[in-house]
């Protein structure tokens, strides 16, 4: 009987603990607004994990350089980050590792642009289809 109660308590705690990623709204979106550092650069860090990006909604300023630091959580599943918006000055594809990598760009057009992981195993859903995507919002 003791084991059953312990499992019940554990399950209740698991269901009541808030998300580790700290979602800021009910839609599962974690928003990060970049600020311009004294050197005129916007710094952003993204972590890729078990089919998510944290944060998954990034707001940056138009025509201000961005230094995007990307990495993945430990694990064997390969991930990358892809953004194909050359019309807005953001066009890159970088594999993710547990070591941080830096991507530099300057957004040149306002709007909302998707980024995602394009990895896929055989006939299974792609990582993007499993939810590993986000948006870069460029504002004035």
Protein backbone atom coordinates (compact mmCIF):
# COMPACT_ATOMS: atom_id res chain seq x y z
CA UNK A 1 0.00 0.00 0.00
CA UNK A 2 2.88 2.37 0.77
CA UNK A 3 4.19 2.07 -2.82
CA UNK A 4 0.78 2.91 -4.25
CA UNK A 5 0.50 6.06 -2.12
CA UNK A 6 4.03 7.13 -3.04
CA UNK A 7 3.31 6.71 -6.74
CA UNK A 8 0.06 8.64 -6.35
CA UNK A 9 1.85 11.52 -4.59
CA UNK A 10 4.60 11.52 -7.21
CA UNK A 11 2.10 11.59 -10.06
CA UNK A 12 0.16 14.46 -8.45
CA UNK A 13 3.36 16.48 -7.96
CA UNK A 14 4.41 15.85 -11.57
CA UNK A 15 1.07 17.09 -12.90
CA UNK A 16 1.06 20.21 -10.72
CA UNK A 17 4.64 21.36 -11.28
CA UNK A 18 4.82 24.18 -13.86
CA UNK A 19 6.74 23.73 -17.08
CA UNK A 20 10.51 23.76 -16.69
CA UNK A 21 10.77 25.97 -19.76
CA UNK A 22 8.78 28.72 -18.02
CA UNK A 23 6.20 29.40 -20.71
CA UNK A 24 4.98 32.97 -20.45
CA UNK A 25 1.50 32.43 -21.82
CA UNK A 26 -1.08 29.69 -22.16
CA UNK A 27 -0.23 28.91 -25.78
CA UNK A 28 3.14 27.37 -24.86
CA UNK A 29 4.98 30.33 -26.32
CA UNK A 30 8.06 31.62 -24.52
CA UNK A 31 8.80 35.17 -25.61
CA UNK A 32 12.18 36.86 -25.46
CA UNK A 33 12.62 40.54 -26.33
CA UNK A 34 16.23 41.37 -27.21
CA UNK A 35 17.72 44.60 -25.89
CA UNK A 36 20.45 46.57 -27.58
CA UNK A 37 23.71 46.32 -25.64
CA UNK A 38 26.08 49.28 -25.28
CA UNK A 39 28.09 47.98 -28.23
CA UNK A 40 25.00 48.18 -30.49
CA UNK A 41 24.37 44.42 -30.72
CA UNK A 42 21.29 42.44 -29.72
CA UNK A 43 22.21 39.21 -27.91
CA UNK A 44 19.89 36.20 -28.00
CA UNK A 45 20.38 32.65 -26.68
CA UNK A 46 18.32 29.69 -27.90
CA UNK A 47 18.37 26.14 -26.54
CA UNK A 48 17.01 23.28 -28.62
CA UNK A 49 15.74 20.25 -26.81
CA UNK A 50 13.27 17.41 -26.98
CA UNK A 51 11.34 18.90 -29.94
CA UNK A 52 11.25 22.49 -28.69
CA UNK A 53 13.18 25.75 -28.88
CA UNK A 54 13.50 27.91 -25.79
CA UNK A 55 12.58 30.69 -26.37
CA UNK A 56 10.36 30.06 -29.36
CA UNK A 57 9.29 33.68 -29.99
CA UNK A 58 12.08 36.20 -30.27
CA UNK A 59 11.58 39.91 -30.82
CA UNK A 60 14.48 41.88 -32.31
CA UNK A 61 14.91 45.42 -33.64
CA UNK A 62 15.15 46.24 -37.33
CA UNK A 63 18.61 47.10 -38.74
CA UNK A 64 20.41 46.28 -35.47
CA UNK A 65 22.98 43.43 -35.54
CA UNK A 66 21.97 40.21 -33.76
CA UNK A 67 24.33 37.71 -32.17
CA UNK A 68 22.38 34.48 -31.81
CA UNK A 69 23.97 31.87 -29.56
CA UNK A 70 22.54 28.39 -30.15
CA UNK A 71 23.04 25.02 -28.50
CA UNK A 72 21.09 21.87 -27.71
CA UNK A 73 20.40 20.02 -24.50
CA UNK A 74 22.48 16.88 -23.94
CA UNK A 75 21.19 13.81 -25.73
CA UNK A 76 21.70 11.72 -28.84
CA UNK A 77 18.90 13.18 -30.98
CA UNK A 78 20.39 15.48 -33.66
CA UNK A 79 18.89 18.95 -34.06
CA UNK A 80 19.56 22.04 -36.12
CA UNK A 81 18.17 25.55 -36.48
CA UNK A 82 17.08 26.75 -39.90
CA UNK A 83 15.88 30.19 -40.97
CA UNK A 84 15.27 30.82 -44.65
CA UNK A 85 14.34 34.51 -44.87
CA UNK A 86 17.02 36.06 -47.10
CA UNK A 87 14.65 38.91 -48.02
CA UNK A 88 14.93 40.01 -44.36
CA UNK A 89 18.69 39.41 -43.94
CA UNK A 90 18.20 36.13 -42.04
CA UNK A 91 19.29 33.01 -43.91
CA UNK A 92 21.12 30.26 -42.04
CA UNK A 93 21.20 26.58 -41.18
CA UNK A 94 23.34 25.47 -38.24
CA UNK A 95 23.58 22.06 -36.60
CA UNK A 96 23.14 22.19 -32.84
CA UNK A 97 25.60 20.73 -30.37
CA UNK A 98 25.93 20.96 -26.59
CA UNK A 99 28.71 23.49 -27.23
CA UNK A 100 27.40 26.97 -28.03
CA UNK A 101 27.68 28.22 -31.62
CA UNK A 102 27.23 31.83 -32.69
CA UNK A 103 25.21 33.04 -35.69
CA UNK A 104 25.43 36.71 -36.66
CA UNK A 105 22.98 38.62 -38.87
CA UNK A 106 21.22 41.96 -39.19
CA UNK A 107 17.45 41.89 -39.79
CA UNK A 108 16.57 44.22 -42.69
CA UNK A 109 12.78 43.94 -42.93
CA UNK A 110 10.01 44.04 -40.32
CA UNK A 111 7.73 41.03 -40.01
CA UNK A 112 7.49 37.61 -38.41
CA UNK A 113 9.80 34.90 -39.76
CA UNK A 114 9.83 31.19 -38.88
CA UNK A 115 12.81 29.20 -37.65
CA UNK A 116 12.73 25.44 -37.16
CA UNK A 117 14.57 22.14 -36.94
CA UNK A 118 14.42 20.28 -40.25
CA UNK A 119 15.67 16.90 -38.96
CA UNK A 120 13.58 13.83 -39.69
CA UNK A 121 14.06 10.11 -39.18
CA UNK A 122 12.86 7.93 -42.07
CA UNK A 123 9.06 8.03 -42.33
CA UNK A 124 8.42 9.58 -38.89
CA UNK A 125 7.21 13.13 -38.32
CA UNK A 126 9.86 15.81 -38.77
CA UNK A 127 11.10 17.62 -35.68
CA UNK A 128 9.28 20.71 -36.96
CA UNK A 129 6.03 18.74 -37.18
CA UNK A 130 6.61 17.64 -33.57
CA UNK A 131 6.72 21.30 -32.49
CA UNK A 132 10.38 22.27 -32.87
CA UNK A 133 9.78 25.65 -34.43
CA UNK A 134 9.51 29.30 -33.48
CA UNK A 135 9.36 32.81 -34.87
CA UNK A 136 11.72 35.75 -35.07
CA UNK A 137 9.67 38.96 -34.97
CA UNK A 138 11.44 42.01 -36.35
CA UNK A 139 10.07 45.36 -35.12
CA UNK A 140 10.97 49.05 -35.49
